[in-house]
Protein backbone atom coordinates (compact mmCIF):
# COMPACT_ATOMS: atom_id res chain seq x y z
CA MET A 1 90.94 199.69 -110.04
CA SER A 2 93.80 198.61 -108.53
CA PHE A 3 94.30 195.94 -105.29
CA SER A 4 96.64 195.21 -102.27
CA ALA A 5 99.93 193.39 -103.41
CA THR A 6 100.20 191.41 -100.43
CA ASN A 7 95.78 190.05 -101.07
CA ILE A 8 97.05 188.68 -103.86
CA GLN A 9 99.51 185.11 -104.53
CA LYS A 10 101.41 185.17 -107.70
CA ILE A 11 101.47 182.01 -109.56
CA GLU A 12 102.51 179.94 -112.12
CA LYS A 13 100.43 179.68 -115.10
CA GLU A 14 101.38 175.67 -114.74
CA THR A 15 99.01 175.77 -111.65
CA ILE A 16 96.10 176.76 -113.35
CA SER A 17 95.19 173.69 -114.30
CA GLU A 18 94.02 172.66 -110.87
CA MET A 19 91.64 175.52 -110.06
CA SER A 20 87.93 175.81 -109.28
CA PHE A 21 86.24 178.61 -109.95
CA PRO A 22 84.13 179.93 -109.15
CA LYS A 23 80.38 180.50 -110.82
CA GLU A 24 79.44 184.24 -109.71
CA ASP A 25 81.19 186.99 -111.25
CA VAL A 26 83.82 189.36 -109.60
CA LEU A 27 82.65 191.96 -111.03
CA SER A 28 79.45 193.99 -110.59
CA ASN A 29 78.64 196.29 -113.55
CA ALA A 30 78.29 196.03 -116.84
CA ASP A 31 80.80 199.27 -117.09
CA GLU A 32 83.54 196.85 -115.45
CA ARG A 33 83.30 193.81 -117.85
CA ARG A 34 82.63 195.74 -121.12
CA GLN A 35 86.22 197.66 -119.24
CA ARG A 36 87.41 193.98 -119.11
CA ARG A 37 86.30 192.74 -122.01
CA ASN A 38 88.27 195.75 -123.85
CA GLU A 39 91.12 194.72 -121.87
CA LEU A 40 91.33 191.55 -123.18
CA ASP A 41 91.00 192.39 -126.48
CA ARG A 42 94.29 194.52 -125.84
CA ALA A 43 96.56 192.03 -123.98
CA LEU A 44 94.74 189.54 -126.82
CA ILE A 45 96.75 191.62 -129.05
CA LEU A 46 99.83 192.19 -127.62
CA GLY A 47 100.57 188.45 -127.22
CA ASN A 48 100.15 187.38 -130.66
CA VAL A 49 101.51 190.56 -131.96
CA ASP A 50 104.11 191.15 -130.02
CA HIS A 51 104.12 187.90 -128.40
CA SER A 52 104.19 190.18 -124.31
CA LYS A 53 102.88 188.16 -121.81
CA VAL A 54 100.35 190.87 -119.34
CA LYS A 55 99.99 190.39 -115.52
CA ILE A 56 96.83 189.06 -115.17
CA ILE A 57 94.79 189.10 -112.04
CA PHE A 58 91.91 186.52 -111.10
CA SER A 59 90.23 184.61 -108.58
CA ASP A 60 89.58 180.96 -108.08
CA MET A 61 87.94 179.55 -105.37
CA THR A 62 91.29 180.51 -102.50
CA GLY A 63 91.09 183.77 -102.89
CA MET A 64 92.53 186.19 -105.34
CA LYS A 65 95.68 185.01 -107.47
CA GLN A 66 98.71 186.70 -110.54
CA VAL A 67 99.73 185.09 -113.62
CA GLU A 68 102.11 187.16 -116.21
CA THR A 69 101.36 185.48 -119.45
CA THR A 70 100.59 186.03 -122.64
CA ILE A 71 96.89 185.56 -124.20
CA TRP A 72 96.52 183.42 -127.17
CA ALA A 73 93.50 183.46 -127.89
CA VAL A 74 89.82 185.03 -126.14
CA THR A 75 86.00 183.16 -126.40
CA GLU A 76 83.49 184.44 -125.59
CA GLU A 77 83.71 182.23 -121.83
CA ARG A 78 87.42 181.88 -120.82
CA ILE A 79 90.63 183.30 -122.33
CA ILE A 80 93.58 180.54 -123.45
CA LEU A 81 96.43 180.99 -121.82
CA LYS A 82 100.36 179.41 -123.50
CA SER A 83 99.67 175.69 -122.79
CA GLY A 84 96.95 175.78 -123.09
CA MET A 85 95.95 176.46 -119.97
CA VAL A 86 92.50 178.63 -118.91
CA ILE A 87 91.04 180.84 -117.16
CA PRO A 88 87.22 182.05 -117.16
CA ILE A 89 86.51 185.99 -118.32
CA ARG A 90 84.31 186.81 -115.36
CA ARG A 91 86.90 185.59 -112.67
CA ILE A 92 89.16 187.74 -113.92
CA HIS A 93 89.63 191.58 -112.03
CA GLN A 94 92.22 192.94 -114.06
CA ILE A 95 94.20 192.95 -117.57
CA ILE A 96 97.89 194.62 -116.60
CA THR A 97 99.03 195.00 -119.69
């Protein structure tokens, strides 16, 4: 999966709290969703062990966004970033480690 950088707005993680997220999943099939979960698990380990940042490509109500940050926790439905910012997993297209 790759995306055109021109369509993606780079943001600071602090702005995530102001965003609204639709209920629909951005990924259409089970294989893509499984791959996303694997990417999240890997990013979580990198964040907690190495304190490494990852790039997260996701969509809110207005379009595609990219944030570079550390993932601190992954729950069943969302990821938690530093400073308590939250992104619903269903809205994540890709995690780049």
